[in-house]
C-alpha atoms as a PDB file:
ATOM      1  CA  TYR A   1      22.379 -11.532   1.418  1.00  0.00           C
ATOM      2  CA  SER A   2      24.813 -12.630  -1.460  1.00  0.00           C
ATOM      3  CA  VAL A   3      28.337 -14.073  -0.438  1.00  0.00           C
ATOM      4  CA  ARG A   4      31.705 -13.126  -2.514  1.00  0.00           C
ATOM      5  CA  GLY A   5      35.389 -14.782  -1.663  1.00  0.00           C
ATOM      6  CA  THR A   6      38.181 -12.748  -1.997  1.00  0.00           C
ATOM      7  CA  ASP A   7      37.898 -13.402  -6.396  1.00  0.00           C
ATOM      8  CA  ALA A   8      34.906 -11.321  -6.221  1.00  0.00           C
ATOM      9  CA  GLN A   9      33.578 -14.708  -8.094  1.00  0.00           C
ATOM     10  CA  LEU A  10      29.553 -15.167  -5.959  1.00  0.00           C
ATOM     11  CA  VAL A  11      29.562 -18.540  -3.416  1.00  0.00           C
ATOM     12  CA  GLN A  12      26.123 -18.018  -1.656  1.00  0.00           C
ATOM     13  CA  GLN A  13      23.039 -15.649  -1.981  1.00  0.00           C
ATOM     14  CA  ARG A  14      20.032 -15.754   0.547  1.00  0.00           C
ATOM     15  CA  ALA A  15      16.817 -14.211   0.988  1.00  0.00           C
ATOM     16  CA  GLU A  16      15.877 -14.123   4.400  1.00  0.00           C
ATOM     17  CA  ILE A  17      15.892 -12.466   7.670  1.00  0.00           C
ATOM     18  CA  ARG A  18      19.141 -13.615   9.614  1.00  0.00           C
ATOM     19  CA  PRO A  19      20.175 -15.904   6.585  1.00  0.00           C
ATOM     20  CA  ASN A  20      22.960 -18.645   7.648  1.00  0.00           C
ATOM     21  CA  PHE A  21      25.351 -19.304   5.479  1.00  0.00           C
ATOM     22  CA  SER A  22      28.201 -22.844   5.493  1.00  0.00           C
ATOM     23  CA  LEU A  23      31.052 -21.497   4.737  1.00  0.00           C
ATOM     24  CA  PRO A  24      35.234 -22.564   4.760  1.00  0.00           C
ATOM     25  CA  PRO A  25      37.349 -20.619   6.424  1.00  0.00           C
ATOM     26  CA  GLY A  26      38.322 -17.650   4.667  1.00  0.00           C
ATOM     27  CA  GLU A  27      37.882 -13.858   4.040  1.00  0.00           C
ATOM     28  CA  TYR A  28      34.527 -12.644   2.315  1.00  0.00           C
ATOM     29  CA  ALA A  29      32.526  -9.865   1.419  1.00  0.00           C
ATOM     30  CA  VAL A  30      28.784  -9.446   2.668  1.00  0.00           C
ATOM     31  CA  HIS A  31      26.983  -7.884  -0.109  1.00  0.00           C
ATOM     32  CA  ALA A  32      23.007  -6.375   1.575  1.00  0.00           C
ATOM     33  CA  SER A  33      20.221  -5.144  -0.037  1.00  0.00           C
ATOM     34  CA  HIS A  34      17.013  -3.663   1.257  1.00  0.00           C
ATOM     35  CA  GLY A  35      14.831  -2.546  -1.903  1.00  0.00           C
ATOM     36  CA  LEU A  36      17.403  -0.276  -3.597  1.00  0.00           C
ATOM     37  CA  ALA A  37      19.242   0.380  -0.258  1.00  0.00           C
ATOM     38  CA  THR A  38      23.227  -2.106   0.010  1.00  0.00           C
ATOM     39  CA  ALA A  39      26.292  -2.297   1.837  1.00  0.00           C
ATOM     40  CA  ILE A  40      28.873  -3.946   1.989  1.00  0.00           C
ATOM     41  CA  ARG A  41      30.422  -5.463   4.338  1.00  0.00           C
ATOM     42  CA  SER A  42      34.533  -7.768   4.886  1.00  0.00           C
ATOM     43  CA  VAL A  43      33.635 -11.095   7.234  1.00  0.00           C
ATOM     44  CA  THR A  44      36.782 -13.292   8.283  1.00  0.00           C
ATOM     45  CA  VAL A  45      35.032 -16.978   9.042  1.00  0.00           C
ATOM     46  CA  THR A  46      36.989 -18.987  11.688  1.00  0.00           C
ATOM     47  CA  GLU A  47      36.976 -22.260  12.047  1.00  0.00           C
ATOM     48  CA  ILE A  48      34.377 -22.052  14.591  1.00  0.00           C
ATOM     49  CA  GLY A  49      31.884 -19.385  13.123  1.00  0.00           C
ATOM     50  CA  THR A  50      31.443 -15.901  13.116  1.00  0.00           C
ATOM     51  CA  ALA A  51      28.732 -13.338  13.252  1.00  0.00           C
ATOM     52  CA  ALA A  52      28.216 -10.489  11.799  1.00  0.00           C
ATOM     53  CA  VAL A  53      25.855  -7.496  11.800  1.00  0.00           C
ATOM     54  CA  ILE A  54      26.079  -5.438   8.651  1.00  0.00           C
ATOM     55  CA  PRO A  55      23.670  -2.013   9.302  1.00  0.00           C
ATOM     56  CA  ILE A  56      21.811  -0.274   6.169  1.00  0.00           C
ATOM     57  CA  ASN A  57      20.724   2.742   6.109  1.00  0.00           C
ATOM     58  CA  ALA A  58      17.781   2.660   5.062  1.00  0.00           C
ATOM     59  CA  GLY A  59      13.760   4.371   5.039  1.00  0.00           C
ATOM     60  CA  ALA A  60      10.827   4.348   2.525  1.00  0.00           C
ATOM     61  CA  LEU A  61       8.743   6.281   0.525  1.00  0.00           C
ATOM     62  CA  VAL A  62       4.667   5.737   0.183  1.00  0.00           C
ATOM     63  CA  VAL A  63       2.908   8.582  -2.227  1.00  0.00           C
ATOM     64  CA  SER A  64      -0.908   9.368  -3.022  1.00  0.00           C
ATOM     65  CA  GLY A  65      -2.222  12.040  -5.136  1.00  0.00           C
ATOM     66  CA  HIS A  66      -5.210  13.850  -4.768  1.00  0.00           C
ATOM     67  CA  ILE A  67      -6.940  16.496  -7.476  1.00  0.00           C
ATOM     68  CA  GLY A  68      -8.054  19.567  -5.738  1.00  0.00           C
ATOM     69  CA  GLY A  69      -8.044  18.889  -2.212  1.00  0.00           C
ATOM     70  CA  PRO A  70      -7.187  15.339   0.377  1.00  0.00           C
ATOM     71  CA  GLU A  71     -10.669  14.752   0.116  1.00  0.00           C
ATOM     72  CA  ARG A  72     -11.001  13.926  -3.849  1.00  0.00           C
ATOM     73  CA  PRO A  73      -8.351  10.961  -4.160  1.00  0.00           C
ATOM     74  CA  MET A  74      -6.815  10.606  -8.213  1.00  0.00           C
ATOM     75  CA  PRO A  75      -7.097   7.072  -9.516  1.00  0.00           C
ATOM     76  CA  PRO A  76      -4.009   5.424  -8.966  1.00  0.00           C
ATOM     77  CA  ALA A  77      -3.604   4.246 -13.104  1.00  0.00           C
ATOM     78  CA  ARG A  78      -3.641   8.024 -13.547  1.00  0.00           C
ATOM     79  CA  GLN A  79      -0.614   9.347 -11.356  1.00  0.00           C
ATOM     80  CA  ALA A  80       2.895   8.984 -12.895  1.00  0.00           C
ATOM     81  CA  LEU A  81       5.315   9.306 -10.761  1.00  0.00           C
ATOM     82  CA  ARG A  82       8.941   9.866 -10.618  1.00  0.00           C
ATOM     83  CA  LEU A  83      11.778   9.895  -8.507  1.00  0.00           C
ATOM     84  CA  PHE A  84      14.995  11.809  -8.996  1.00  0.00           C
ATOM     85  CA  ILE A  85      18.173  12.123  -7.119  1.00  0.00           C
ATOM     86  CA  PRO A  86      19.401  15.713  -7.716  1.00  0.00           C
ATOM     87  CA  THR A  87      22.759  16.776  -8.856  1.00  0.00           C
ATOM     88  CA  ALA A  88      24.132  20.292  -8.619  1.00  0.00           C
ATOM     89  CA  ASN A  89      21.885  22.810  -9.811  1.00  0.00           C
ATOM     90  CA  ASN A  90      19.580  19.974 -11.120  1.00  0.00           C
ATOM     91  CA  SER A  91      16.722  18.501  -9.045  1.00  0.00           C
ATOM     92  CA  GLU A  92      16.314  16.141 -11.704  1.00  0.00           C
ATOM     93  CA  GLY A  93      19.841  14.903 -11.837  1.00  0.00           C
ATOM     94  CA  ARG A  94      19.438  11.163 -11.732  1.00  0.00           C
ATOM     95  CA  LEU A  95      16.882   9.329 -12.097  1.00  0.00           C
ATOM     96  CA  VAL A  96      15.872   6.889  -9.447  1.00  0.00           C
ATOM     97  CA  THR A  97      12.493   4.744 -10.785  1.00  0.00           C
ATOM     98  CA  SER A  98       9.776   5.594 -13.627  1.00  0.00           C
ATOM     99  CA  VAL A  99       7.839   3.040 -12.567  1.00  0.00           C
ATOM    100  CA  LEU A 100       6.915   4.069  -8.888  1.00  0.00           C
ATOM    101  CA  ARG A 101       3.284   2.745  -8.438  1.00  0.00           C
ATOM    102  CA  PRO A 102       1.072   4.697  -6.211  1.00  0.00           C
ATOM    103  CA  GLY A 103       0.265   3.162  -2.821  1.00  0.00           C
ATOM    104  CA  ALA A 104       3.360   0.906  -3.259  1.00  0.00           C
ATOM    105  CA  VAL A 105       6.545   1.473  -0.428  1.00  0.00           C
ATOM    106  CA  LEU A 106       9.704   1.862  -2.131  1.00  0.00           C
ATOM    107  CA  ARG A 107      12.883   1.379   0.139  1.00  0.00           C
ATOM    108  CA  LEU A 108      15.066   3.733  -0.346  1.00  0.00           C
ATOM    109  CA  PRO A 109      18.522   4.588   0.969  1.00  0.00           C
ATOM    110  CA  GLU A 110      18.796   7.423   3.330  1.00  0.00           C
ATOM    111  CA  GLY A 111      18.810  11.504   1.862  1.00  0.00           C
ATOM    112  CA  THR A 112      16.870  13.896  -0.416  1.00  0.00           C
ATOM    113  CA  TYR A 113      15.210  12.764  -3.584  1.00  0.00           C
ATOM    114  CA  HIS A 114      13.145  14.932  -5.621  1.00  0.00           C
ATOM    115  CA  LEU A 115       9.698  13.362  -6.776  1.00  0.00           C
ATOM    116  CA  VAL A 116       7.587  14.102 -10.046  1.00  0.00           C
ATOM    117  CA  SER A 117       4.212  14.025 -10.093  1.00  0.00           C
ATOM    118  CA  THR A 118       2.513  13.718 -13.946  1.00  0.00           C
ATOM    119  CA  TYR A 119      -1.203  13.483 -13.461  1.00  0.00           C
ATOM    120  CA  THR A 120      -1.495  11.391 -16.826  1.00  0.00           C
ATOM    121  CA  GLY A 121      -4.035  13.113 -19.752  1.00  0.00           C
ATOM    122  CA  THR A 122      -3.484  16.147 -18.763  1.00  0.00           C
ATOM    123  CA  ASN A 123      -0.749  19.477 -18.052  1.00  0.00           C
ATOM    124  CA  SER A 124      -0.634  19.291 -14.677  1.00  0.00           C
ATOM    125  CA  VAL A 125       3.009  18.259 -12.910  1.00  0.00           C
ATOM    126  CA  VAL A 126       3.955  18.187  -9.527  1.00  0.00           C
ATOM    127  CA  ARG A 127       7.962  18.652  -7.996  1.00  0.00           C
ATOM    128  CA  SER A 128       8.689  18.639  -4.416  1.00  0.00           C
ATOM    129  CA  ASP A 129      11.452  16.926  -2.322  1.00  0.00           C
ATOM    130  CA  VAL A 130      11.183  14.046  -0.042  1.00  0.00           C
ATOM    131  CA  LYS A 131      13.345  13.447   3.176  1.00  0.00           C
ATOM    132  CA  ILE A 132      13.954   9.778   3.368  1.00  0.00           C
ATOM    133  CA  GLU A 133      14.828   8.779   7.445  1.00  0.00           C
ATOM    134  CA  THR A 134      16.860   5.371   8.174  1.00  0.00           C
ATOM    135  CA  GLY A 135      13.752   3.786  10.283  1.00  0.00           C
ATOM    136  CA  LYS A 136      10.872   5.446   9.167  1.00  0.00           C
ATOM    137  CA  VAL A 137       8.355   5.357   6.126  1.00  0.00           C
ATOM    138  CA  THR A 138       7.286   8.793   4.820  1.00  0.00           C
ATOM    139  CA  GLU A 139       4.273   9.675   3.881  1.00  0.00           C
ATOM    140  CA  ALA A 140       3.990  12.045   0.926  1.00  0.00           C
ATOM    141  CA  ALA A 141       0.477  13.501  -0.696  1.00  0.00           C
ATOM    142  CA  VAL A 142       1.073  15.387  -3.713  1.00  0.00           C
ATOM    143  CA  ASN A 143      -2.187  17.259  -4.865  1.00  0.00           C
ATOM    144  CA  HIS A 144      -3.051  18.288  -7.961  1.00  0.00           C
ATOM    145  CA  ARG A 145      -4.404  21.697  -8.720  1.00  0.00           C
ATOM    146  CA  ALA A 146      -6.836  20.429 -11.637  1.00  0.00           C
ATOM    147  CA  ALA A 147      -9.745  19.669 -12.628  1.00  0.00           C
ATOM    148  CA  THR A 148     -12.523  18.030 -15.408  1.00  0.00           C
ATOM    149  CA  MET A 149     -14.137  21.830 -17.310  1.00  0.00           C
ATOM    150  CA  THR A 150     -17.369  20.334 -19.874  1.00  0.00           C
ATOM    151  CA  LEU A 151     -16.539  22.497 -22.862  1.00  0.00           C
ATOM    152  CA  LYS A 152     -19.460  23.565 -25.160  1.00  0.00           C
ATOM    153  CA  LEU A 153     -20.542  25.776 -27.779  1.00  0.00           C
ATOM    154  CA  VAL A 154     -23.916  27.371 -28.069  1.00  0.00           C
ATOM    155  CA  ARG A 155     -26.182  29.910 -29.068  1.00  0.00           C
ATOM    156  CA  ALA A 156     -27.485  31.191 -25.678  1.00  0.00           C
ATOM    157  CA  VAL A 157     -25.980  30.112 -22.600  1.00  0.00           C
ATOM    158  CA  GLY A 158     -27.580  27.307 -21.273  1.00  0.00           C
ATOM    159  CA  GLY A 159     -29.023  26.076 -24.367  1.00  0.00           C
ATOM    160  CA  ALA A 160     -27.945  23.033 -26.517  1.00  0.00           C
ATOM    161  CA  ALA A 161     -24.327  22.771 -27.668  1.00  0.00           C
ATOM    162  CA  PHE A 162     -23.507  22.167 -31.466  1.00  0.00           C
ATOM    163  CA  ALA A 163     -22.111  18.517 -32.281  1.00  0.00           C
ATOM    164  CA  GLY A 164     -19.607  18.400 -34.770  1.00  0.00           C
ATOM    165  CA  THR A 165     -17.380  21.217 -32.435  1.00  0.00           C
ATOM    166  CA  GLN A 166     -13.273  20.480 -33.189  1.00  0.00           C
ATOM    167  CA  TRP A 167     -12.014  22.508 -29.871  1.00  0.00           C
ATOM    168  CA  THR A 168      -8.359  23.390 -29.020  1.00  0.00           C
ATOM    169  CA  ILE A 169      -7.155  24.983 -25.383  1.00  0.00           C
ATOM    170  CA  GLU A 170      -4.362  27.263 -25.396  1.00  0.00           C
ATOM    171  CA  THR A 171      -2.337  28.821 -23.243  1.00  0.00           C
ATOM    172  CA  PRO A 172      -1.429  32.773 -22.991  1.00  0.00           C
ATOM    173  CA  GLY A 173       1.900  31.618 -24.353  1.00  0.00           C
ATOM    174  CA  GLY A 174       0.202  29.880 -27.338  1.00  0.00           C
ATOM    175  CA  ASP A 175       1.347  26.599 -26.089  1.00  0.00           C
ATOM    176  CA  ILE A 176      -1.686  23.679 -27.360  1.00  0.00           C
ATOM    177  CA  VAL A 177      -2.429  21.990 -23.828  1.00  0.00           C
ATOM    178  CA  ALA A 178      -5.169  19.605 -25.383  1.00  0.00           C
ATOM    179  CA  GLU A 179      -7.219  19.469 -28.176  1.00  0.00           C
ATOM    180  CA  ALA A 180     -10.988  17.867 -28.423  1.00  0.00           C
ATOM    181  CA  ALA A 181     -14.162  16.971 -30.888  1.00  0.00           C
ATOM    182  CA  GLY A 182     -17.667  16.891 -29.895  1.00  0.00           C
ATOM    183  CA  ALA A 183     -20.630  18.196 -28.917  1.00  0.00           C
ATOM    184  CA  PHE A 184     -19.506  18.795 -24.803  1.00  0.00           C
ATOM    185  CA  PRO A 185     -16.105  17.096 -24.361  1.00  0.00           C
ATOM    186  CA  ASN A 186     -14.642  16.647 -21.279  1.00  0.00           C
ATOM    187  CA  VAL A 187     -11.287  17.761 -20.611  1.00  0.00           C
ATOM    188  CA  ASP A 188      -8.679  17.969 -17.364  1.00  0.00           C
ATOM    189  CA  ILE A 189      -6.417  20.301 -16.903  1.00  0.00           C
ATOM    190  CA  ALA A 190      -4.707  21.918 -14.709  1.00  0.00           C
ATOM    191  CA  GLU A 191      -5.578  25.282 -12.593  1.00  0.00           C
ATOM    192  CA  GLY A 192      -4.653  28.160 -14.769  1.00  0.00           C
ATOM    193  CA  ALA A 193      -5.649  30.958 -17.514  1.00  0.00           C
ATOM    194  CA  TYR A 194      -6.850  29.776 -21.098  1.00  0.00           C
ATOM    195  CA  THR A 195      -7.640  30.639 -24.841  1.00  0.00           C
ATOM    196  CA  VAL A 196     -10.574  28.258 -26.127  1.00  0.00           C
ATOM    197  CA  THR A 197     -10.803  27.945 -30.133  1.00  0.00           C
ATOM    198  CA  ALA A 198     -13.970  26.524 -31.363  1.00  0.00           C
ATOM    199  CA  ARG A 199     -14.593  25.430 -34.990  1.00  0.00           C
ATOM    200  CA  HIS A 200     -17.392  25.029 -36.210  1.00  0.00           C
ATOM    201  CA  ASN A 201     -19.047  25.094 -39.959  1.00  0.00           C
ATOM    202  CA  ASP A 202     -15.829  26.440 -40.613  1.00  0.00           C
ATOM    203  CA  ARG A 203     -15.923  28.826 -38.689  1.00  0.00           C
ATOM    204  CA  GLU A 204     -13.873  29.874 -35.270  1.00  0.00           C
ATOM    205  CA  TYR A 205     -15.373  31.246 -31.695  1.00  0.00           C
ATOM    206  CA  LYS A 206     -12.983  32.294 -29.174  1.00  0.00           C
ATOM    207  CA  GLY A 207     -13.557  32.317 -25.195  1.00  0.00           C
ATOM    208  CA  GLN A 208     -10.924  32.562 -22.578  1.00  0.00           C
ATOM    209  CA  MET A 209     -11.502  30.070 -19.822  1.00  0.00           C
ATOM    210  CA  LYS A 210     -10.344  30.202 -15.717  1.00  0.00           C
ATOM    211  CA  VAL A 211      -9.677  26.937 -14.324  1.00  0.00           C
ATOM    212  CA  GLU A 212      -9.499  26.590 -10.068  1.00  0.00           C
ATOM    213  CA  GLY A 213      -8.009  23.187  -9.081  1.00  0.00           C
ATOM    214  CA  GLY A 214     -10.520  20.767  -8.011  1.00  0.00           C
ATOM    215  CA  VAL A 215     -13.797  23.102  -9.085  1.00  0.00           C
ATOM    216  CA  ASN A 216     -15.460  20.824 -12.121  1.00  0.00           C
ATOM    217  CA  ARG A 217     -18.283  23.293 -14.338  1.00  0.00           C
ATOM    218  CA  ASP A 218     -19.230  23.662 -18.289  1.00  0.00           C
ATOM    219  CA  PHE A 219     -17.395  26.102 -20.009  1.00  0.00           C
ATOM    220  CA  GLU A 220     -19.269  27.781 -22.537  1.00  0.00           C
ATOM    221  CA  ILE A 221     -18.486  29.933 -25.736  1.00  0.00           C
ATOM    222  CA  VAL A 222     -22.064  31.719 -26.954  1.00  0.00           C
ATOM    223  CA  VAL A 223     -21.855  32.142 -30.603  1.00  0.00           C
ATOM    224  CA  GLU A 224     -22.462  35.672 -32.006  1.00  0.00           C
END
Protein backbone atom coordinates (compact mmCIF):
# COMPACT_ATOMS: atom_id res chain seq x y z
CA TYR A 1 0.00 0.00 0.00
CA SER A 2 1.14 3.57 -0.66
CA VAL A 3 -0.49 6.88 0.31
CA ARG A 4 -0.11 10.08 -1.68
CA GLY A 5 -1.25 13.59 -0.87
CA THR A 6 -3.20 15.95 -3.10
CA ASP A 7 0.10 17.06 -4.68
CA ALA A 8 0.76 13.41 -5.74
CA GLN A 9 3.78 13.19 -3.44
CA LEU A 10 4.33 9.85 -1.67
CA VAL A 11 3.47 10.22 2.00
CA GLN A 12 3.78 6.70 3.42
CA GLN A 13 4.16 3.14 2.21
CA ARG A 14 3.54 -0.24 3.83
CA ALA A 15 3.85 -3.89 2.79
CA GLU A 16 1.26 -5.38 5.14
CA ILE A 17 -2.15 -7.03 4.87
CA ARG A 18 -3.94 -4.43 7.05
CA PRO A 19 -1.61 -1.46 7.45
CA ASN A 20 -2.24 1.47 9.77
CA PHE A 21 -1.14 4.91 8.61
CA SER A 22 -0.71 7.91 10.95
CA LEU A 23 -1.76 10.87 8.82
CA PRO A 24 -2.88 14.47 9.34
CA PRO A 25 -6.53 15.07 8.40
CA GLY A 26 -6.99 15.66 4.69
CA GLU A 27 -7.54 14.11 1.28
CA TYR A 28 -5.32 11.23 0.14
CA ALA A 29 -5.03 8.73 -2.69
CA VAL A 30 -4.36 5.19 -1.50
CA HIS A 31 -2.74 2.83 -4.00
CA ALA A 32 -2.97 -0.92 -3.35
CA SER A 33 -1.12 -3.54 -5.39
CA HIS A 34 -1.27 -7.33 -5.36
CA GLY A 35 1.25 -8.73 -7.82
CA LEU A 36 0.46 -7.03 -11.14
CA ALA A 37 -3.06 -6.11 -10.02
CA THR A 38 -3.65 -2.61 -8.63
CA ALA A 39 -6.43 -0.33 -7.37
CA ILE A 40 -6.58 3.33 -6.30
CA ARG A 41 -9.13 4.97 -4.04
CA SER A 42 -9.53 8.51 -2.70
CA VAL A 43 -9.77 8.59 1.11
CA THR A 44 -10.71 11.44 3.42
CA VAL A 45 -8.90 11.24 6.76
CA THR A 46 -10.72 12.94 9.67
CA GLU A 47 -9.49 13.85 13.14
CA ILE A 48 -11.01 10.65 14.57
CA GLY A 49 -9.50 8.40 11.89
CA THR A 50 -10.83 6.61 8.85
CA ALA A 51 -11.14 2.96 7.81
CA ALA A 52 -11.05 2.15 4.12
CA VAL A 53 -11.52 -1.08 2.17
CA ILE A 54 -9.92 -1.20 -1.27
CA PRO A 55 -11.11 -4.11 -3.42
CA ILE A 56 -8.73 -5.49 -6.05
CA ASN A 57 -10.13 -7.64 -8.87
CA ALA A 58 -7.25 -10.08 -8.96
CA GLY A 59 -6.55 -13.77 -9.35
CA ALA A 60 -3.43 -15.79 -10.00
CA LEU A 61 -1.82 -18.00 -12.64
CA VAL A 62 0.38 -21.08 -12.25
CA VAL A 63 1.82 -22.78 -15.37
CA SER A 64 3.30 -26.26 -15.76
CA GLY A 65 4.66 -28.03 -18.83
CA HIS A 66 4.58 -31.61 -20.15
CA ILE A 67 6.07 -33.41 -23.13
CA GLY A 68 3.65 -35.70 -24.92
CA GLY A 69 1.36 -36.13 -21.90
CA PRO A 70 0.89 -35.48 -18.16
CA GLU A 71 3.08 -38.45 -17.22
CA ARG A 72 6.16 -36.68 -18.60
CA PRO A 73 6.73 -33.32 -16.85
CA MET A 74 8.93 -30.87 -18.71
CA PRO A 75 12.13 -29.79 -16.92
CA PRO A 76 11.32 -26.25 -15.71
CA ALA A 77 14.61 -24.95 -17.10
CA ARG A 78 13.50 -26.01 -20.60
CA GLN A 79 10.17 -24.13 -20.55
CA ALA A 80 10.19 -20.44 -21.51
CA LEU A 81 6.94 -18.57 -20.86
CA ARG A 82 5.56 -15.27 -22.14
CA LEU A 83 2.22 -13.75 -21.22
CA PHE A 84 0.35 -11.17 -23.30
CA ILE A 85 -2.79 -9.06 -23.16
CA PRO A 86 -4.59 -9.50 -26.50
CA THR A 87 -5.56 -6.45 -28.51
CA ALA A 88 -7.74 -6.09 -31.58
CA ASN A 89 -6.62 -8.59 -34.24
CA ASN A 90 -3.45 -9.40 -32.28
CA SER A 91 -3.35 -12.12 -29.61
CA GLU A 92 0.14 -10.94 -28.59
CA GLY A 93 -0.80 -7.27 -28.41
CA ARG A 94 0.91 -6.21 -25.18
CA LEU A 95 3.57 -8.14 -23.30
CA VAL A 96 2.85 -8.64 -19.60
CA THR A 97 5.93 -10.67 -18.70
CA SER A 98 8.61 -12.80 -20.35
CA VAL A 99 10.18 -14.08 -17.12
CA LEU A 100 7.33 -16.19 -15.71
CA ARG A 101 8.78 -19.36 -14.17
CA PRO A 102 6.95 -22.72 -14.34
CA GLY A 103 5.30 -23.46 -11.01
CA ALA A 104 5.53 -19.87 -9.79
CA VAL A 105 2.41 -17.95 -8.75
CA LEU A 106 1.79 -14.80 -10.81
CA ARG A 107 -0.90 -12.47 -9.43
CA LEU A 108 -2.84 -10.73 -12.18
CA PRO A 109 -5.84 -8.47 -12.72
CA GLU A 110 -9.00 -10.31 -13.72
CA GLY A 111 -9.21 -10.86 -17.48
CA THR A 112 -8.18 -13.01 -20.44
CA TYR A 113 -4.51 -13.42 -21.35
CA HIS A 114 -2.56 -15.13 -24.13
CA LEU A 115 0.12 -17.60 -22.97
CA VAL A 116 3.05 -18.63 -25.19
CA SER A 117 5.12 -21.62 -24.04
CA THR A 118 8.38 -22.60 -25.77
CA TYR A 119 10.22 -25.88 -25.25
CA THR A 120 13.65 -24.25 -25.35
CA GLY A 121 16.20 -25.73 -27.70
CA THR A 122 13.42 -27.00 -29.98
CA ASN A 123 10.91 -25.69 -32.51
CA SER A 124 7.97 -26.63 -30.25
CA VAL A 125 5.78 -23.62 -29.35
CA VAL A 126 2.31 -23.86 -27.78
CA ARG A 127 -0.11 -20.92 -27.63
CA SER A 128 -3.26 -20.79 -25.51
CA ASP A 129 -5.66 -18.35 -23.88
CA VAL A 130 -6.08 -18.34 -20.09
CA LYS A 131 -8.82 -16.68 -18.07
CA ILE A 132 -8.02 -15.13 -14.68
CA GLU A 133 -10.92 -14.81 -12.23
CA THR A 134 -10.98 -12.79 -9.03
CA GLY A 135 -10.06 -14.82 -5.97
CA LYS A 136 -9.10 -17.92 -7.96
CA VAL A 137 -5.85 -19.56 -9.00
CA THR A 138 -5.86 -20.65 -12.65
CA GLU A 139 -3.65 -23.68 -13.29
CA ALA A 140 -2.54 -23.93 -16.92
CA ALA A 141 -0.95 -27.23 -17.96
CA VAL A 142 0.81 -26.88 -21.33
CA ASN A 143 1.44 -30.05 -23.33
CA HIS A 144 4.22 -29.90 -25.92
CA ARG A 145 3.93 -32.48 -28.69
CA ALA A 146 7.64 -33.17 -29.07
CA ALA A 147 10.13 -36.03 -28.85
CA THR A 148 13.83 -36.82 -28.69
CA MET A 149 15.18 -38.37 -31.89
CA THR A 150 18.58 -40.10 -32.06
CA LEU A 151 20.09 -39.69 -35.53
CA LYS A 152 22.27 -42.40 -37.08
CA LEU A 153 23.95 -42.86 -40.46
CA VAL A 154 24.50 -46.60 -40.92
CA ARG A 155 25.57 -49.10 -43.57
CA ALA A 156 22.77 -51.50 -42.61
CA VAL A 157 19.68 -51.25 -40.40
CA GLY A 158 20.75 -51.56 -36.77
CA GLY A 159 24.43 -51.29 -37.69
CA ALA A 160 27.19 -49.13 -36.24
CA ALA A 161 26.80 -45.39 -36.84
CA PHE A 162 29.36 -43.39 -38.83
CA ALA A 163 31.35 -40.92 -36.73
CA GLY A 164 31.87 -37.35 -37.89
CA THR A 165 28.47 -37.03 -39.56
CA GLN A 166 26.93 -33.57 -40.03
CA TRP A 167 23.13 -33.38 -39.74
CA THR A 168 20.49 -30.91 -40.93
CA ILE A 169 16.75 -31.20 -40.25
CA GLU A 170 14.30 -29.21 -42.39
CA THR A 171 10.55 -28.72 -42.57
CA PRO A 172 8.70 -29.64 -45.80
CA GLY A 173 8.93 -25.93 -46.67
CA GLY A 174 12.71 -25.96 -46.44
CA ASP A 175 13.16 -24.18 -43.09
CA ILE A 176 16.07 -25.50 -41.04
CA VAL A 177 14.85 -26.36 -37.52
CA ALA A 178 17.89 -28.19 -36.13
CA GLU A 179 21.52 -29.00 -36.88
CA ALA A 180 23.77 -31.52 -35.16
CA ALA A 181 27.06 -33.36 -35.50
CA GLY A 182 28.30 -36.79 -34.45
CA ALA A 183 27.65 -40.50 -34.77
CA PHE A 184 24.33 -40.52 -32.89
CA PRO A 185 23.28 -37.04 -31.70
CA ASN A 186 20.03 -36.53 -29.82
CA VAL A 187 17.69 -33.85 -31.18
CA ASP A 188 14.59 -32.56 -29.38
CA ILE A 189 12.01 -31.60 -31.98
CA ALA A 190 8.30 -30.88 -32.35
CA GLU A 191 5.86 -33.41 -33.73
CA GLY A 192 5.72 -33.41 -37.53
CA ALA A 193 7.37 -34.56 -40.76
CA TYR A 194 10.91 -33.53 -41.65
CA THR A 195 13.62 -34.02 -44.27
CA VAL A 196 16.91 -35.10 -42.72
CA THR A 197 20.23 -34.64 -44.50
CA ALA A 198 23.37 -36.49 -43.36
CA ARG A 199 26.78 -35.40 -44.69
CA HIS A 200 29.76 -37.74 -44.39
CA ASN A 201 33.01 -37.85 -46.39
CA ASP A 202 31.76 -35.20 -48.84
CA ARG A 203 28.61 -37.16 -49.64
CA GLU A 204 24.99 -36.41 -48.77
CA TYR A 205 22.30 -38.85 -47.73
CA LYS A 206 18.64 -37.91 -47.21
CA GLY A 207 15.74 -39.44 -45.34
CA GLN A 208 12.17 -38.59 -44.34
CA MET A 209 11.59 -38.53 -40.58
CA LYS A 210 8.23 -38.55 -38.81
CA VAL A 211 8.13 -37.35 -35.21
CA GLU A 212 5.32 -38.32 -32.82
CA GLY A 213 4.83 -36.38 -29.61
CA GLY A 214 6.25 -38.20 -26.59
CA VAL A 215 7.71 -41.09 -28.68
CA ASN A 216 11.50 -41.01 -28.38
CA ARG A 217 13.26 -43.26 -30.90
CA ASP A 218 16.20 -43.78 -33.26
CA PHE A 219 16.10 -42.50 -36.82
CA GLU A 220 18.50 -44.20 -39.24
CA ILE A 221 19.60 -43.28 -42.73
CA VAL A 222 21.08 -46.28 -44.52
CA VAL A 223 24.02 -45.64 -46.84
CA GLU A 224 23.19 -47.07 -50.28
